[in-house]
Amino acid sequence: MSKPGAGGPASGGSGPTTAAILAAAQKQKTLLQRVDNDVSQIIDNFSALLSISRVNDPPVRNSQEAFQMEMRAARMVQASDSLLKLVSELKQTAIFSNFASLNEHVESRILEFGQLSEKTSGLLEKIGEQAAASLKELETHYYSSITRMNGTEDI
């Protein structure tokens, strides 16, 4: 019933390969670097925004500071957007990795049910053979019994 090489535990394909482990570690390292970079950009721009936000007397300087504040705020928005994209990517990765584990679970259940089906078929064959043997024994006993012989003489 079970197919050879179906990806179950017997085929040896159920565990992650070394290449997959290395790829996952590299992806995790890249994602952590992106998070660190984006968070540090947000913090740096927010600190600069706070230091620039002091009010000074010369109006020219205030317009320069206003431009710098807008620039820093825009950079904070870009870093925040990058973090949101990263979160979305992590969610997709979690969803797809759960599908992989779900597929592994389904394959293991298919193997379990296949074995159970084979066991049940064997048990039914055994019961059928026992019933046939018992029926044959009863027929032999019936045809050789005195009751049957007496019943045929009356007719």
Protein backbone atom coordinates (compact mmCIF):
# COMPACT_ATOMS: atom_id res chain seq x y z
CA MET A 1 0.00 0.00 0.00
CA SER A 2 2.74 2.45 0.84
CA LYS A 3 4.69 3.89 -2.05
CA PRO A 4 8.47 3.70 -1.97
CA GLY A 5 10.17 7.07 -1.81
CA ALA A 6 7.00 8.90 -0.78
CA GLY A 7 8.96 11.15 1.55
CA GLY A 8 8.11 9.34 4.73
CA PRO A 9 10.46 8.39 7.54
CA ALA A 10 11.53 5.22 5.75
CA SER A 11 12.82 7.15 2.73
CA GLY A 12 15.10 9.34 4.84
CA GLY A 13 13.69 12.59 3.40
CA SER A 14 11.87 13.81 6.49
CA GLY A 15 14.72 15.72 8.15
CA PRO A 16 16.15 19.04 7.01
CA THR A 17 19.31 18.92 4.97
CA THR A 18 22.51 20.70 5.88
CA ALA A 19 22.01 23.13 3.00
CA ALA A 20 18.50 23.99 4.23
CA ILE A 21 19.81 24.57 7.75
CA LEU A 22 22.57 26.85 6.45
CA ALA A 23 20.12 28.75 4.24
CA ALA A 24 17.75 29.24 7.19
CA ALA A 25 20.62 30.45 9.40
CA GLN A 26 21.76 32.89 6.70
CA LYS A 27 18.22 34.19 6.21
CA GLN A 28 17.83 34.65 9.98
CA LYS A 29 21.12 36.54 10.12
CA THR A 30 20.05 38.79 7.23
CA LEU A 31 16.66 39.49 8.82
CA LEU A 32 18.26 40.34 12.17
CA GLN A 33 20.67 42.72 10.43
CA ARG A 34 17.74 44.40 8.68
CA VAL A 35 15.90 44.79 11.99
CA ASP A 36 18.97 46.21 13.72
CA ASN A 37 19.62 48.61 10.84
CA ASP A 38 16.02 49.85 10.65
CA VAL A 39 15.66 50.28 14.41
CA SER A 40 18.98 52.12 14.68
CA GLN A 41 17.90 54.44 11.81
CA ILE A 42 14.64 55.22 13.59
CA ILE A 43 16.45 55.94 16.87
CA ASP A 44 19.16 58.07 15.21
CA ASN A 45 16.64 60.12 13.22
CA PHE A 46 14.39 60.57 16.25
CA SER A 47 17.35 61.75 18.35
CA ALA A 48 18.38 64.16 15.61
CA LEU A 49 14.79 65.33 15.27
CA LEU A 50 14.64 66.11 18.99
CA SER A 51 17.96 67.95 18.97
CA ILE A 52 16.95 70.03 15.93
CA SER A 53 13.54 70.93 17.34
CA ARG A 54 14.93 73.65 19.62
CA VAL A 55 13.65 77.11 18.75
CA ASN A 56 16.32 79.65 17.78
CA ASP A 57 16.11 83.38 17.10
CA PRO A 58 17.38 83.75 13.54
CA PRO A 59 14.52 82.88 11.16
CA VAL A 60 16.88 81.51 8.47
CA ARG A 61 18.21 78.96 10.88
CA ASN A 62 14.66 77.95 11.85
CA SER A 63 13.79 77.23 8.20
CA GLN A 64 16.98 75.14 7.85
CA GLU A 65 16.06 73.25 10.97
CA ALA A 66 12.51 72.76 9.70
CA PHE A 67 13.90 71.26 6.49
CA GLN A 68 16.20 68.98 8.48
CA MET A 69 13.28 67.93 10.70
CA GLU A 70 11.20 67.06 7.62
CA MET A 71 14.12 65.09 6.21
CA ARG A 72 14.64 63.18 9.47
CA ALA A 73 10.92 62.48 9.78
CA ALA A 74 10.86 61.14 6.21
CA ARG A 75 13.79 58.86 7.00
CA MET A 76 11.97 57.60 10.10
CA VAL A 77 8.92 56.83 7.96
CA GLN A 78 11.10 54.95 5.46
CA ALA A 79 12.72 52.90 8.23
CA SER A 80 9.31 52.17 9.76
CA ASP A 81 7.99 51.10 6.36
CA SER A 82 10.97 48.78 5.98
CA LEU A 83 10.19 47.24 9.37
CA LEU A 84 6.56 46.71 8.35
CA LYS A 85 7.68 44.96 5.16
CA LEU A 86 9.99 42.80 7.25
CA VAL A 87 7.12 41.84 9.56
CA SER A 88 5.01 40.94 6.53
CA GLU A 89 7.82 38.79 5.15
CA LEU A 90 8.19 37.04 8.52
CA LYS A 91 4.45 36.33 8.61
CA GLN A 92 4.57 34.82 5.13
CA THR A 93 7.58 32.72 6.08
CA ALA A 94 5.78 31.48 9.18
CA ILE A 95 2.69 30.60 7.16
CA PHE A 96 4.63 28.71 4.50
CA SER A 97 6.83 26.90 6.99
CA ASN A 98 3.67 25.81 8.82
CA PHE A 99 2.40 24.38 5.53
CA ALA A 100 5.59 22.37 5.26
CA SER A 101 5.18 20.96 8.76
CA LEU A 102 1.49 20.35 8.06
CA ASN A 103 2.45 18.40 4.92
CA GLU A 104 4.91 16.33 6.95
CA HIS A 105 2.18 15.60 9.49
CA VAL A 106 -0.26 14.60 6.73
CA GLU A 107 2.34 12.28 5.17
CA SER A 108 3.02 10.61 8.52
CA ARG A 109 -0.73 10.16 9.10
CA ILE A 110 -1.09 8.63 5.61
CA LEU A 111 1.62 6.12 6.48
CA GLU A 112 -0.02 5.34 9.82
CA PHE A 113 -3.42 4.81 8.20
CA GLY A 114 -1.85 2.69 5.46
CA GLN A 115 -0.30 0.41 8.05
CA LEU A 116 -3.58 0.30 9.96
CA SER A 117 -5.42 -0.59 6.74
CA GLU A 118 -3.00 -3.42 5.99
CA LYS A 119 -3.36 -4.72 9.55
CA THR A 120 -7.17 -4.56 9.31
CA SER A 121 -7.17 -6.35 5.95
CA GLY A 122 -5.03 -9.13 7.42
CA LEU A 123 -7.35 -9.42 10.40
CA LEU A 124 -10.41 -9.63 8.14
CA GLU A 125 -8.75 -12.35 6.04
CA LYS A 126 -8.00 -14.30 9.20
CA ILE A 127 -11.61 -13.95 10.41
CA GLY A 128 -12.88 -15.04 6.97
CA GLU A 129 -10.68 -18.13 7.01
CA GLN A 130 -11.81 -19.03 10.53
CA ALA A 131 -15.47 -18.56 9.55
CA ALA A 132 -15.02 -20.77 6.46
CA ALA A 133 -13.30 -23.47 8.53
CA SER A 134 -16.06 -23.32 11.17
CA LEU A 135 -18.76 -23.49 8.49
CA LYS A 136 -17.09 -26.49 6.88
CA GLU A 137 -16.86 -28.22 10.26
CA LEU A 138 -20.55 -27.50 10.96
CA GLU A 139 -21.56 -28.80 7.53
CA THR A 140 -19.59 -31.98 8.13
CA HIS A 141 -21.18 -32.42 11.51
CA TYR A 142 -24.68 -31.72 10.11
CA TYR A 143 -24.40 -34.14 7.22
CA SER A 144 -23.09 -36.90 9.48
CA SER A 145 -25.58 -36.35 12.33
CA ILE A 146 -28.38 -38.73 13.29
CA THR A 147 -30.97 -35.92 13.29
CA ARG A 148 -30.45 -35.32 9.59
CA MET A 149 -30.61 -39.03 8.86
CA ASN A 150 -33.85 -39.35 10.84
CA GLY A 151 -35.32 -36.31 9.12
CA THR A 152 -34.77 -37.70 5.63
CA GLU A 153 -36.43 -41.03 6.45
CA ASP A 154 -39.67 -39.24 7.47
CA ILE A 155 -40.03 -37.57 4.12
